Amino acid sequence: MSLQVPAQDYISIIGMPTGEFNYVIYSVAGQVVQSGLLNDNQRLIEFSLQAGVYFIRVIQGDIILTRKFVVKD
């Protein structure tokens, strides 16, 4: 899985296998700031987060991936 960085108001999930997957975005403090479900037709996650560092965890069956990303103003 890869993400475009730095992000501003969305990130695009690239390189995931086909099918549905859940995602959770965490702040550096570990708080959940957004979560949802994506599928083959929607691989774009829109958000309105403050500038800073965040982590996204993507879960698809037995596959769990976590990546860091930066939100810029």
C-alpha atoms as a PDB file:
ATOM      1  CA  MET A   1       0.000   0.000   0.000  1.00  0.00           C
ATOM      2  CA  SER A   2       1.245   3.479  -0.750  1.00  0.00           C
ATOM      3  CA  LEU A   3      -0.110   6.980  -0.173  1.00  0.00           C
ATOM      4  CA  GLN A   4       0.594  10.325  -1.782  1.00  0.00           C
ATOM      5  CA  VAL A   5       2.382  12.607   0.680  1.00  0.00           C
ATOM      6  CA  PRO A   6       2.212  15.258   1.884  1.00  0.00           C
ATOM      7  CA  ALA A   7      -1.585  15.327   2.014  1.00  0.00           C
ATOM      8  CA  GLN A   8      -3.885  18.332   2.301  1.00  0.00           C
ATOM      9  CA  ASP A   9      -7.525  17.299   2.248  1.00  0.00           C
ATOM     10  CA  TYR A  10      -7.433  13.730   0.932  1.00  0.00           C
ATOM     11  CA  ILE A  11      -5.242  10.681   0.484  1.00  0.00           C
ATOM     12  CA  SER A  12      -5.456   8.060  -2.212  1.00  0.00           C
ATOM     13  CA  ILE A  13      -4.905   4.391  -1.348  1.00  0.00           C
ATOM     14  CA  ILE A  14      -2.742   2.702  -3.989  1.00  0.00           C
ATOM     15  CA  GLY A  15      -1.615  -0.909  -4.224  1.00  0.00           C
ATOM     16  CA  MET A  16      -4.255  -2.683  -2.157  1.00  0.00           C
ATOM     17  CA  PRO A  17      -5.757  -5.936  -3.440  1.00  0.00           C
ATOM     18  CA  THR A  18      -9.268  -5.725  -4.883  1.00  0.00           C
ATOM     19  CA  GLY A  19     -12.270  -5.825  -2.578  1.00  0.00           C
ATOM     20  CA  GLU A  20     -13.533  -3.909   0.425  1.00  0.00           C
ATOM     21  CA  PHE A  21     -11.314  -2.762   3.264  1.00  0.00           C
ATOM     22  CA  ASN A  22     -11.681  -0.796   6.478  1.00  0.00           C
ATOM     23  CA  TYR A  23      -9.453   2.097   7.440  1.00  0.00           C
ATOM     24  CA  VAL A  24      -8.777   4.008  10.642  1.00  0.00           C
ATOM     25  CA  ILE A  25      -6.841   7.284  10.866  1.00  0.00           C
ATOM     26  CA  TYR A  26      -5.082   7.990  14.177  1.00  0.00           C
ATOM     27  CA  SER A  27      -3.450  11.136  15.534  1.00  0.00           C
ATOM     28  CA  VAL A  28       0.081  10.862  16.949  1.00  0.00           C
ATOM     29  CA  ALA A  29      -1.592  10.789  20.380  1.00  0.00           C
ATOM     30  CA  GLY A  30      -3.397   7.570  19.356  1.00  0.00           C
ATOM     31  CA  GLN A  31      -6.874   9.085  19.049  1.00  0.00           C
ATOM     32  CA  VAL A  32      -9.104   7.821  16.244  1.00  0.00           C
ATOM     33  CA  VAL A  33      -9.877  10.856  14.072  1.00  0.00           C
ATOM     34  CA  GLN A  34     -11.662   9.111  11.203  1.00  0.00           C
ATOM     35  CA  SER A  35     -12.638   5.617  10.076  1.00  0.00           C
ATOM     36  CA  GLY A  36     -14.592   4.066   7.265  1.00  0.00           C
ATOM     37  CA  LEU A  37     -15.006   1.428   4.581  1.00  0.00           C
ATOM     38  CA  LEU A  38     -13.640   1.643   1.039  1.00  0.00           C
ATOM     39  CA  ASN A  39     -14.005  -0.568  -2.005  1.00  0.00           C
ATOM     40  CA  ASP A  40     -12.650  -0.953  -5.556  1.00  0.00           C
ATOM     41  CA  ASN A  41     -14.661   2.034  -6.789  1.00  0.00           C
ATOM     42  CA  GLN A  42     -13.562   4.355  -3.987  1.00  0.00           C
ATOM     43  CA  ARG A  43      -9.891   4.510  -3.013  1.00  0.00           C
ATOM     44  CA  LEU A  44      -9.901   8.197  -2.030  1.00  0.00           C
ATOM     45  CA  ILE A  45     -10.252   9.244   1.621  1.00  0.00           C
ATOM     46  CA  GLU A  46     -11.343  12.846   2.140  1.00  0.00           C
ATOM     47  CA  PHE A  47     -10.794  14.560   5.472  1.00  0.00           C
ATOM     48  CA  SER A  48     -10.467  17.927   7.188  1.00  0.00           C
ATOM     49  CA  LEU A  49      -7.548  17.335   9.541  1.00  0.00           C
ATOM     50  CA  GLN A  50      -5.261  19.911  11.076  1.00  0.00           C
ATOM     51  CA  ALA A  51      -1.679  20.032   9.823  1.00  0.00           C
ATOM     52  CA  GLY A  52       0.459  17.356  11.476  1.00  0.00           C
ATOM     53  CA  VAL A  53       1.496  13.714  11.451  1.00  0.00           C
ATOM     54  CA  TYR A  54      -1.092  10.923  11.340  1.00  0.00           C
ATOM     55  CA  PHE A  55      -1.201   7.169  10.918  1.00  0.00           C
ATOM     56  CA  ILE A  56      -3.593   5.185   8.773  1.00  0.00           C
ATOM     57  CA  ARG A  57      -4.346   1.525   9.426  1.00  0.00           C
ATOM     58  CA  VAL A  58      -5.932  -0.463   6.608  1.00  0.00           C
ATOM     59  CA  ILE A  59      -7.569  -3.814   7.344  1.00  0.00           C
ATOM     60  CA  GLN A  60      -8.597  -6.294   4.672  1.00  0.00           C
ATOM     61  CA  GLY A  61      -9.231  -9.804   5.958  1.00  0.00           C
ATOM     62  CA  ASP A  62      -5.961 -11.039   7.495  1.00  0.00           C
ATOM     63  CA  ILE A  63      -3.992  -8.114   6.027  1.00  0.00           C
ATOM     64  CA  ILE A  64      -3.325  -5.192   8.377  1.00  0.00           C
ATOM     65  CA  LEU A  65      -1.105  -2.347   7.148  1.00  0.00           C
ATOM     66  CA  THR A  66      -0.162   0.852   8.958  1.00  0.00           C
ATOM     67  CA  ARG A  67       1.453   3.878   7.294  1.00  0.00           C
ATOM     68  CA  LYS A  68       2.428   7.334   8.494  1.00  0.00           C
ATOM     69  CA  PHE A  69       1.417  10.415   6.536  1.00  0.00           C
ATOM     70  CA  VAL A  70       1.741  14.167   6.900  1.00  0.00           C
ATOM     71  CA  VAL A  71      -1.055  16.703   6.466  1.00  0.00           C
ATOM     72  CA  LYS A  72       0.103  20.147   5.341  1.00  0.00           C
ATOM     73  CA  ASP A  73      -1.826  23.440   5.429  1.00  0.00           C
END
